[in-house]
Amino acid sequence: MPLLQVRNIETYYGPIMAIKGVSLDVEEGDIVTILGANGAGKSTILKTISGVMDPEKGTIEFMDQRIDGMSPDKIVRMGITQVPEGREIFHDLTVKENLMMGAYLRKDRSETQEDLEIVHDYFPVLKARSSQLGGNMSGGEQQMLAIGRAIMATPKLLLLDEPSLGLAPFLVKEIFEIIKRVNDEQKTTILLVEQNALIALSLARIGYVLELGRIVKEDTCKELMENEDVKEFYLGVKEESIRGSKRWKRKKKWR
């Protein structure tokens, strides 16, 4: 059984169906990515899994237990932690206080301190600025803080929503290297929503392509990177041919 099993979920914003019968699996220890344009419903899927939104239909199982309709705090206690789009750190708390908020459910003080040291190893800037207010950090540093806070919760499943958003390319590379280390070293399963399709497909093993609230393609990331539609729509590589003196591009259908 997969660690996370989503089956035919439908999620609404008022009368508007944002998620239309989505099903996906996340195996334990894996990195899975969801690709899609703005407004496709990627963040809504994560919010539905984490309990921020309730599906009208369908089921979500985590570790063989139904969690659809469960409150977000209970879902966190089960081992699912989300790093939301836009980071949402506590601006008026220090860096250390923000990190410790990730561990607020934990009682194991010695292990919590060990995990704080692990976070500092991943993100040395957070140790150097422990007493600085979170709101005074740069966007990249805030993203590091948001991921570090999530690590402090020792999640079994980490939901990452657009971790590269608004960051300089060198910071994107650094953050994704850390995400890979967290998966390798902490054995944390990761479900990633990311608009930078190239880096997402390079990091993950399995990918799902979401279009207008529906999954239109799923495959290994290796295969998706070779798919002509993915190349064109998400990697910026157009399939073009020349017939005589005319350049043409054939109409695509997902395949």
C-alpha atoms as a PDB file:
ATOM      1  CA  MET A   1       0.000   0.000   0.000  1.00  0.00           C
ATOM      2  CA  PRO A   2       1.233   3.523  -0.786  1.00  0.00           C
ATOM      3  CA  LEU A   3       1.974   5.817   2.135  1.00  0.00           C
ATOM      4  CA  LEU A   4      -0.552   8.285   0.687  1.00  0.00           C
ATOM      5  CA  GLN A   5      -3.471   7.226  -1.481  1.00  0.00           C
ATOM      6  CA  VAL A   6      -5.781   9.853  -2.994  1.00  0.00           C
ATOM      7  CA  ARG A   7      -8.847   8.579  -4.820  1.00  0.00           C
ATOM      8  CA  ASN A   8     -11.266  10.590  -6.973  1.00  0.00           C
ATOM      9  CA  ILE A   9     -11.291  13.728  -4.836  1.00  0.00           C
ATOM     10  CA  GLU A  10     -13.447  16.689  -5.767  1.00  0.00           C
ATOM     11  CA  THR A  11     -12.802  19.986  -4.002  1.00  0.00           C
ATOM     12  CA  TYR A  12     -14.781  23.188  -4.457  1.00  0.00           C
ATOM     13  CA  TYR A  13     -14.352  26.916  -3.946  1.00  0.00           C
ATOM     14  CA  GLY A  14     -18.001  27.801  -3.398  1.00  0.00           C
ATOM     15  CA  PRO A  15     -19.841  26.576  -6.505  1.00  0.00           C
ATOM     16  CA  ILE A  16     -16.629  26.154  -8.533  1.00  0.00           C
ATOM     17  CA  MET A  17     -15.106  22.689  -8.740  1.00  0.00           C
ATOM     18  CA  ALA A  18     -11.338  23.219  -8.507  1.00  0.00           C
ATOM     19  CA  ILE A  19     -10.303  19.548  -8.267  1.00  0.00           C
ATOM     20  CA  LYS A  20     -12.131  17.135 -10.551  1.00  0.00           C
ATOM     21  CA  GLY A  21     -11.739  13.494  -9.623  1.00  0.00           C
ATOM     22  CA  VAL A  22      -8.015  13.521  -8.887  1.00  0.00           C
ATOM     23  CA  SER A  23      -6.294  10.272  -7.895  1.00  0.00           C
ATOM     24  CA  LEU A  24      -2.634   9.851  -7.033  1.00  0.00           C
ATOM     25  CA  ASP A  25      -0.290   7.664  -4.998  1.00  0.00           C
ATOM     26  CA  VAL A  26       2.836   8.533  -3.035  1.00  0.00           C
ATOM     27  CA  GLU A  27       5.047   5.618  -2.035  1.00  0.00           C
ATOM     28  CA  GLU A  28       6.989   5.739   1.214  1.00  0.00           C
ATOM     29  CA  GLY A  29      10.437   7.273   0.758  1.00  0.00           C
ATOM     30  CA  ASP A  30       9.579   8.676  -2.675  1.00  0.00           C
ATOM     31  CA  ILE A  31       9.589  12.184  -4.141  1.00  0.00           C
ATOM     32  CA  VAL A  32       6.495  12.840  -6.252  1.00  0.00           C
ATOM     33  CA  THR A  33       5.788  16.055  -8.133  1.00  0.00           C
ATOM     34  CA  ILE A  34       2.633  17.672  -9.493  1.00  0.00           C
ATOM     35  CA  LEU A  35       3.064  19.916 -12.537  1.00  0.00           C
ATOM     36  CA  GLY A  36       0.555  22.367 -13.907  1.00  0.00           C
ATOM     37  CA  ALA A  37      -0.062  25.949 -14.935  1.00  0.00           C
ATOM     38  CA  ASN A  38      -1.205  28.669 -12.542  1.00  0.00           C
ATOM     39  CA  GLY A  39      -4.779  27.972 -11.509  1.00  0.00           C
ATOM     40  CA  ALA A  40      -4.643  24.288 -12.440  1.00  0.00           C
ATOM     41  CA  GLY A  41      -5.403  23.271  -8.846  1.00  0.00           C
ATOM     42  CA  LYS A  42      -2.000  22.118  -7.598  1.00  0.00           C
ATOM     43  CA  SER A  43      -2.108  24.027  -4.300  1.00  0.00           C
ATOM     44  CA  THR A  44      -5.727  22.964  -3.774  1.00  0.00           C
ATOM     45  CA  ILE A  45      -4.651  19.316  -3.853  1.00  0.00           C
ATOM     46  CA  LEU A  46      -2.090  19.958  -1.109  1.00  0.00           C
ATOM     47  CA  LYS A  47      -4.612  21.925   0.958  1.00  0.00           C
ATOM     48  CA  THR A  48      -7.092  19.073   0.629  1.00  0.00           C
ATOM     49  CA  ILE A  49      -4.515  16.502   1.739  1.00  0.00           C
ATOM     50  CA  SER A  50      -3.434  18.623   4.729  1.00  0.00           C
ATOM     51  CA  GLY A  51      -7.041  19.232   5.832  1.00  0.00           C
ATOM     52  CA  VAL A  52      -7.140  22.961   5.138  1.00  0.00           C
ATOM     53  CA  MET A  53      -9.908  22.195   2.629  1.00  0.00           C
ATOM     54  CA  ASP A  54     -12.368  19.294   2.710  1.00  0.00           C
ATOM     55  CA  PRO A  55     -13.159  17.294  -0.420  1.00  0.00           C
ATOM     56  CA  GLU A  56     -16.811  17.019  -1.370  1.00  0.00           C
ATOM     57  CA  LYS A  57     -16.178  13.563  -2.804  1.00  0.00           C
ATOM     58  CA  GLY A  58     -13.433  10.969  -2.831  1.00  0.00           C
ATOM     59  CA  THR A  59     -11.112   9.561  -0.198  1.00  0.00           C
ATOM     60  CA  ILE A  60      -7.630  10.241   1.141  1.00  0.00           C
ATOM     61  CA  GLU A  61      -5.763   7.542   3.046  1.00  0.00           C
ATOM     62  CA  PHE A  62      -2.489   8.040   4.891  1.00  0.00           C
ATOM     63  CA  MET A  63      -0.763   5.037   6.440  1.00  0.00           C
ATOM     64  CA  ASP A  64      -3.924   3.002   5.710  1.00  0.00           C
ATOM     65  CA  GLN A  65      -6.150   5.437   7.624  1.00  0.00           C
ATOM     66  CA  ARG A  66      -8.816   7.740   6.172  1.00  0.00           C
ATOM     67  CA  ILE A  67      -7.906  11.387   6.747  1.00  0.00           C
ATOM     68  CA  ASP A  68     -10.329  13.204   4.415  1.00  0.00           C
ATOM     69  CA  GLY A  69     -12.451  15.483   6.570  1.00  0.00           C
ATOM     70  CA  MET A  70     -10.002  15.246   9.476  1.00  0.00           C
ATOM     71  CA  SER A  71      -8.888  18.510  11.111  1.00  0.00           C
ATOM     72  CA  PRO A  72      -5.479  19.919  10.104  1.00  0.00           C
ATOM     73  CA  ASP A  73      -4.021  19.551  13.609  1.00  0.00           C
ATOM     74  CA  LYS A  74      -4.852  15.836  13.688  1.00  0.00           C
ATOM     75  CA  ILE A  75      -3.307  15.392  10.259  1.00  0.00           C
ATOM     76  CA  VAL A  76      -0.131  17.094  11.489  1.00  0.00           C
ATOM     77  CA  ARG A  77      -0.089  14.748  14.483  1.00  0.00           C
ATOM     78  CA  MET A  78      -0.269  11.799  12.080  1.00  0.00           C
ATOM     79  CA  GLY A  79       2.875  12.988  10.330  1.00  0.00           C
ATOM     80  CA  ILE A  80       1.927  15.269   7.412  1.00  0.00           C
ATOM     81  CA  THR A  81       3.473  18.741   7.359  1.00  0.00           C
ATOM     82  CA  GLN A  82       2.989  21.389   4.685  1.00  0.00           C
ATOM     83  CA  VAL A  83       5.290  24.216   3.629  1.00  0.00           C
ATOM     84  CA  PRO A  84       2.722  26.573   2.102  1.00  0.00           C
ATOM     85  CA  GLU A  85       3.148  28.796  -0.916  1.00  0.00           C
ATOM     86  CA  GLY A  86       4.337  32.184   0.309  1.00  0.00           C
ATOM     87  CA  ARG A  87       6.170  30.630   3.324  1.00  0.00           C
ATOM     88  CA  GLU A  88       3.810  32.056   6.007  1.00  0.00           C
ATOM     89  CA  ILE A  89       6.441  32.305   8.701  1.00  0.00           C
ATOM     90  CA  PHE A  90       5.785  34.205  11.938  1.00  0.00           C
ATOM     91  CA  HIS A  91       7.240  37.621  11.184  1.00  0.00           C
ATOM     92  CA  ASP A  92       7.233  38.817  14.795  1.00  0.00           C
ATOM     93  CA  LEU A  93       9.021  35.734  16.156  1.00  0.00           C
ATOM     94  CA  THR A  94      12.749  35.123  16.020  1.00  0.00           C
ATOM     95  CA  VAL A  95      14.250  32.544  13.699  1.00  0.00           C
ATOM     96  CA  LYS A  96      14.719  30.104  16.572  1.00  0.00           C
ATOM     97  CA  GLU A  97      11.168  30.670  17.815  1.00  0.00           C
ATOM     98  CA  ASN A  98       9.857  30.002  14.305  1.00  0.00           C
ATOM     99  CA  LEU A  99      11.797  26.753  14.145  1.00  0.00           C
ATOM    100  CA  MET A 100      10.589  25.653  17.555  1.00  0.00           C
ATOM    101  CA  MET A 101       6.998  26.284  16.477  1.00  0.00           C
ATOM    102  CA  GLY A 102       7.508  23.357  14.112  1.00  0.00           C
ATOM    103  CA  ALA A 103       8.232  21.164  17.134  1.00  0.00           C
ATOM    104  CA  TYR A 104       5.366  22.396  19.325  1.00  0.00           C
ATOM    105  CA  LEU A 105       3.730  18.938  19.427  1.00  0.00           C
ATOM    106  CA  ARG A 106       6.930  17.158  20.414  1.00  0.00           C
ATOM    107  CA  LYS A 107       7.847  16.128  23.959  1.00  0.00           C
ATOM    108  CA  ASP A 108      11.286  14.667  23.219  1.00  0.00           C
ATOM    109  CA  ARG A 109      13.494  17.610  24.177  1.00  0.00           C
ATOM    110  CA  SER A 110      16.858  15.979  23.533  1.00  0.00           C
ATOM    111  CA  GLU A 111      15.809  14.727  20.097  1.00  0.00           C
ATOM    112  CA  THR A 112      14.261  18.105  19.329  1.00  0.00           C
ATOM    113  CA  GLN A 113      17.620  19.741  20.038  1.00  0.00           C
ATOM    114  CA  GLU A 114      19.319  17.198  17.776  1.00  0.00           C
ATOM    115  CA  ASP A 115      16.882  18.026  14.980  1.00  0.00           C
ATOM    116  CA  LEU A 116      17.529  21.741  15.501  1.00  0.00           C
ATOM    117  CA  GLU A 117      21.202  21.022  14.920  1.00  0.00           C
ATOM    118  CA  ILE A 118      20.302  19.092  11.748  1.00  0.00           C
ATOM    119  CA  VAL A 119      18.325  22.090  10.479  1.00  0.00           C
ATOM    120  CA  HIS A 120      21.276  24.357  11.275  1.00  0.00           C
ATOM    121  CA  ASP A 121      23.506  21.993   9.311  1.00  0.00           C
ATOM    122  CA  TYR A 122      21.176  22.216   6.315  1.00  0.00           C
ATOM    123  CA  PHE A 123      20.740  25.983   6.637  1.00  0.00           C
ATOM    124  CA  PRO A 124      23.713  27.569   8.473  1.00  0.00           C
ATOM    125  CA  VAL A 125      22.226  31.041   7.988  1.00  0.00           C
ATOM    126  CA  LEU A 126      19.389  30.095  10.352  1.00  0.00           C
ATOM    127  CA  LYS A 127      21.864  29.364  13.119  1.00  0.00           C
ATOM    128  CA  ALA A 128      23.768  32.580  12.476  1.00  0.00           C
ATOM    129  CA  ARG A 129      20.528  34.569  12.675  1.00  0.00           C
ATOM    130  CA  SER A 130      18.741  32.668  15.449  1.00  0.00           C
ATOM    131  CA  SER A 131      17.809  35.837  17.323  1.00  0.00           C
ATOM    132  CA  GLN A 132      16.748  37.833  14.259  1.00  0.00           C
ATOM    133  CA  LEU A 133      13.057  38.393  13.596  1.00  0.00           C
ATOM    134  CA  GLY A 134      11.736  36.220  10.792  1.00  0.00           C
ATOM    135  CA  GLY A 135      10.125  39.201   9.110  1.00  0.00           C
ATOM    136  CA  ASN A 136      13.507  40.875   8.670  1.00  0.00           C
ATOM    137  CA  MET A 137      14.957  38.041   6.590  1.00  0.00           C
ATOM    138  CA  SER A 138      15.159  37.929   2.802  1.00  0.00           C
ATOM    139  CA  GLY A 139      12.716  35.876   0.734  1.00  0.00           C
ATOM    140  CA  GLY A 140      15.239  33.078   0.266  1.00  0.00           C
ATOM    141  CA  GLU A 141      16.053  32.986   3.970  1.00  0.00           C
ATOM    142  CA  GLN A 142      12.352  32.898   4.815  1.00  0.00           C
ATOM    143  CA  GLN A 143      11.916  29.921   2.501  1.00  0.00           C
ATOM    144  CA  MET A 144      14.780  28.164   4.287  1.00  0.00           C
ATOM    145  CA  LEU A 145      13.096  28.997   7.584  1.00  0.00           C
ATOM    146  CA  ALA A 146       9.745  27.614   6.425  1.00  0.00           C
ATOM    147  CA  ILE A 147      11.354  24.348   5.309  1.00  0.00           C
ATOM    148  CA  GLY A 148      13.420  24.160   8.500  1.00  0.00           C
ATOM    149  CA  ARG A 149      10.285  24.667  10.596  1.00  0.00           C
ATOM    150  CA  ALA A 150       8.624  21.782   8.749  1.00  0.00           C
ATOM    151  CA  ILE A 151      11.644  19.522   9.316  1.00  0.00           C
ATOM    152  CA  MET A 152      11.389  20.233  13.056  1.00  0.00           C
ATOM    153  CA  ALA A 153       8.017  18.463  13.024  1.00  0.00           C
ATOM    154  CA  THR A 154       9.790  15.261  11.804  1.00  0.00           C
ATOM    155  CA  PRO A 155       7.093  14.585   9.197  1.00  0.00           C
ATOM    156  CA  LYS A 156       6.586  11.254   7.510  1.00  0.00           C
ATOM    157  CA  LEU A 157       5.205  13.165   4.513  1.00  0.00           C
ATOM    158  CA  LEU A 158       6.339  16.673   3.600  1.00  0.00           C
ATOM    159  CA  LEU A 159       4.115  18.742   1.296  1.00  0.00           C
ATOM    160  CA  LEU A 160       6.049  21.474  -0.521  1.00  0.00           C
ATOM    161  CA  ASP A 161       4.119  24.195  -2.344  1.00  0.00           C
ATOM    162  CA  GLU A 162       6.219  26.192  -4.836  1.00  0.00           C
ATOM    163  CA  PRO A 163       9.477  26.299  -2.841  1.00  0.00           C
ATOM    164  CA  SER A 164      11.288  28.146  -5.671  1.00  0.00           C
ATOM    165  CA  LEU A 165       8.712  30.946  -5.960  1.00  0.00           C
ATOM    166  CA  GLY A 166      10.378  34.351  -6.231  1.00  0.00           C
ATOM    167  CA  LEU A 167      13.894  33.088  -5.532  1.00  0.00           C
ATOM    168  CA  ALA A 168      17.119  33.777  -7.405  1.00  0.00           C
ATOM    169  CA  PRO A 169      18.408  30.792  -9.432  1.00  0.00           C
ATOM    170  CA  PHE A 170      21.376  30.146  -7.124  1.00  0.00           C
ATOM    171  CA  LEU A 171      19.019  29.949  -4.121  1.00  0.00           C
ATOM    172  CA  VAL A 172      16.660  27.624  -5.995  1.00  0.00           C
ATOM    173  CA  LYS A 173      19.554  25.245  -6.633  1.00  0.00           C
ATOM    174  CA  GLU A 174      20.615  25.384  -2.980  1.00  0.00           C
ATOM    175  CA  ILE A 175      17.132  24.784  -1.614  1.00  0.00           C
ATOM    176  CA  PHE A 176      16.456  21.839  -3.910  1.00  0.00           C
ATOM    177  CA  GLU A 177      19.768  20.273  -2.948  1.00  0.00           C
ATOM    178  CA  ILE A 178      18.609  20.468   0.678  1.00  0.00           C
ATOM    179  CA  ILE A 179      15.223  18.974  -0.218  1.00  0.00           C
ATOM    180  CA  LYS A 180      17.042  16.031  -1.790  1.00  0.00           C
ATOM    181  CA  ARG A 181      19.201  15.644   1.317  1.00  0.00           C
ATOM    182  CA  VAL A 182      16.128  15.636   3.557  1.00  0.00           C
ATOM    183  CA  ASN A 183      14.650  12.841   1.449  1.00  0.00           C
ATOM    184  CA  ASP A 184      17.898  10.846   1.428  1.00  0.00           C
ATOM    185  CA  GLU A 185      19.080  11.413   4.995  1.00  0.00           C
ATOM    186  CA  GLN A 186      15.848  11.770   6.955  1.00  0.00           C
ATOM    187  CA  LYS A 187      13.913   9.291   4.763  1.00  0.00           C
ATOM    188  CA  THR A 188      11.157  11.872   4.481  1.00  0.00           C
ATOM    189  CA  THR A 189       8.597  11.236   1.752  1.00  0.00           C
ATOM    190  CA  ILE A 190       7.925  14.371  -0.310  1.00  0.00           C
ATOM    191  CA  LEU A 191       5.007  15.558  -2.440  1.00  0.00           C
ATOM    192  CA  LEU A 192       6.170  18.586  -4.400  1.00  0.00           C
ATOM    193  CA  VAL A 193       4.191  21.254  -6.253  1.00  0.00           C
ATOM    194  CA  GLU A 194       6.575  23.310  -8.356  1.00  0.00           C
ATOM    195  CA  GLN A 195       6.293  25.520 -11.448  1.00  0.00           C
ATOM    196  CA  ASN A 196       9.956  25.043 -12.317  1.00  0.00           C
ATOM    197  CA  ALA A 197       9.210  21.827 -14.179  1.00  0.00           C
ATOM    198  CA  LEU A 198      12.795  21.053 -15.107  1.00  0.00           C
ATOM    199  CA  ILE A 199      14.094  21.061 -11.542  1.00  0.00           C
ATOM    200  CA  ALA A 200      10.975  19.266 -10.253  1.00  0.00           C
ATOM    201  CA  LEU A 201      11.279  16.468 -12.807  1.00  0.00           C
ATOM    202  CA  SER A 202      15.002  16.214 -12.149  1.00  0.00           C
ATOM    203  CA  LEU A 203      14.392  15.781  -8.413  1.00  0.00           C
ATOM    204  CA  ALA A 204      11.294  13.570  -8.289  1.00  0.00           C
ATOM    205  CA  ARG A 205      10.767   9.972  -9.406  1.00  0.00           C
ATOM    206  CA  ILE A 206       7.060  10.106 -10.286  1.00  0.00           C
ATOM    207  CA  GLY A 207       5.194  13.023 -11.825  1.00  0.00           C
ATOM    208  CA  TYR A 208       1.569  13.975 -12.390  1.00  0.00           C
ATOM    209  CA  VAL A 209       0.460  16.629 -14.881  1.00  0.00           C
ATOM    210  CA  LEU A 210      -2.588  18.599 -13.777  1.00  0.00           C
ATOM    211  CA  GLU A 211      -4.730  20.574 -16.195  1.00  0.00           C
ATOM    212  CA  LEU A 212      -7.861  22.468 -15.137  1.00  0.00           C
ATOM    213  CA  GLY A 213      -8.269  20.348 -12.031  1.00  0.00           C
ATOM    214  CA  ARG A 214      -7.751  16.969 -13.724  1.00  0.00           C
ATOM    215  CA  ILE A 215      -4.758  14.650 -13.978  1.00  0.00           C
ATOM    216  CA  VAL A 216      -4.019  14.374 -17.698  1.00  0.00           C
ATOM    217  CA  LYS A 217      -0.716  12.512 -17.516  1.00  0.00           C
ATOM    218  CA  GLU A 218       1.215  10.449 -14.999  1.00  0.00           C
ATOM    219  CA  ASP A 219       4.502   8.651 -15.440  1.00  0.00           C
ATOM    220  CA  THR A 220       8.035   8.409 -14.167  1.00  0.00           C
ATOM    221  CA  CYS A 221       9.779  11.761 -14.323  1.00  0.00           C
ATOM    222  CA  LYS A 222      12.320  10.278 -16.704  1.00  0.00           C
ATOM    223  CA  GLU A 223       9.551   9.444 -19.162  1.00  0.00           C
ATOM    224  CA  LEU A 224       7.792  12.784 -18.652  1.00  0.00           C
ATOM    225  CA  MET A 225      10.982  14.652 -19.516  1.00  0.00           C
ATOM    226  CA  GLU A 226      10.977  12.829 -22.870  1.00  0.00           C
ATOM    227  CA  ASN A 227       7.276  13.461 -23.525  1.00  0.00           C
ATOM    228  CA  GLU A 228       6.847  15.998 -26.340  1.00  0.00           C
ATOM    229  CA  ASP A 229       3.868  17.708 -24.699  1.00  0.00           C
ATOM    230  CA  VAL A 230       5.713  18.132 -21.408  1.00  0.00           C
ATOM    231  CA  LYS A 231       8.745  19.423 -23.294  1.00  0.00           C
ATOM    232  CA  GLU A 232       6.660  22.017 -25.084  1.00  0.00           C
ATOM    233  CA  PHE A 233       4.280  23.177 -22.377  1.00  0.00           C
ATOM    234  CA  TYR A 234       6.494  22.872 -19.285  1.00  0.00           C
ATOM    235  CA  LEU A 235      10.120  22.751 -20.389  1.00  0.00           C
ATOM    236  CA  GLY A 236       9.897  25.377 -23.111  1.00  0.00           C
ATOM    237  CA  VAL A 237      11.017  23.065 -25.921  1.00  0.00           C
ATOM    238  CA  LYS A 238       8.809  23.301 -29.015  1.00  0.00           C
ATOM    239  CA  GLU A 239       8.549  20.430 -31.448  1.00  0.00           C
ATOM    240  CA  GLU A 240       8.883  22.061 -34.852  1.00  0.00           C
ATOM    241  CA  SER A 241       9.331  20.712 -38.327  1.00  0.00           C
ATOM    242  CA  ILE A 242       9.960  22.239 -41.711  1.00  0.00           C
ATOM    243  CA  ARG A 243       7.891  21.244 -44.725  1.00  0.00           C
ATOM    244  CA  GLY A 244       9.369  22.879 -47.811  1.00  0.00           C
ATOM    245  CA  SER A 245       9.841  26.531 -46.892  1.00  0.00           C
ATOM    246  CA  LYS A 246       7.102  26.502 -44.232  1.00  0.00           C
ATOM    247  CA  ARG A 247       7.679  26.026 -40.521  1.00  0.00           C
ATOM    248  CA  TRP A 248       4.780  24.359 -38.780  1.00  0.00           C
ATOM    249  CA  LYS A 249       3.818  23.067 -35.382  1.00  0.00           C
ATOM    250  CA  ARG A 250       1.285  20.303 -35.135  1.00  0.00           C
ATOM    251  CA  LYS A 251      -1.573  20.477 -32.677  1.00  0.00           C
ATOM    252  CA  LYS A 252      -0.942  18.457 -29.520  1.00  0.00           C
ATOM    253  CA  LYS A 253      -3.019  15.954 -27.667  1.00  0.00           C
ATOM    254  CA  TRP A 254      -1.910  14.510 -24.341  1.00  0.00           C
ATOM    255  CA  ARG A 255      -0.623  11.016 -24.826  1.00  0.00           C
END
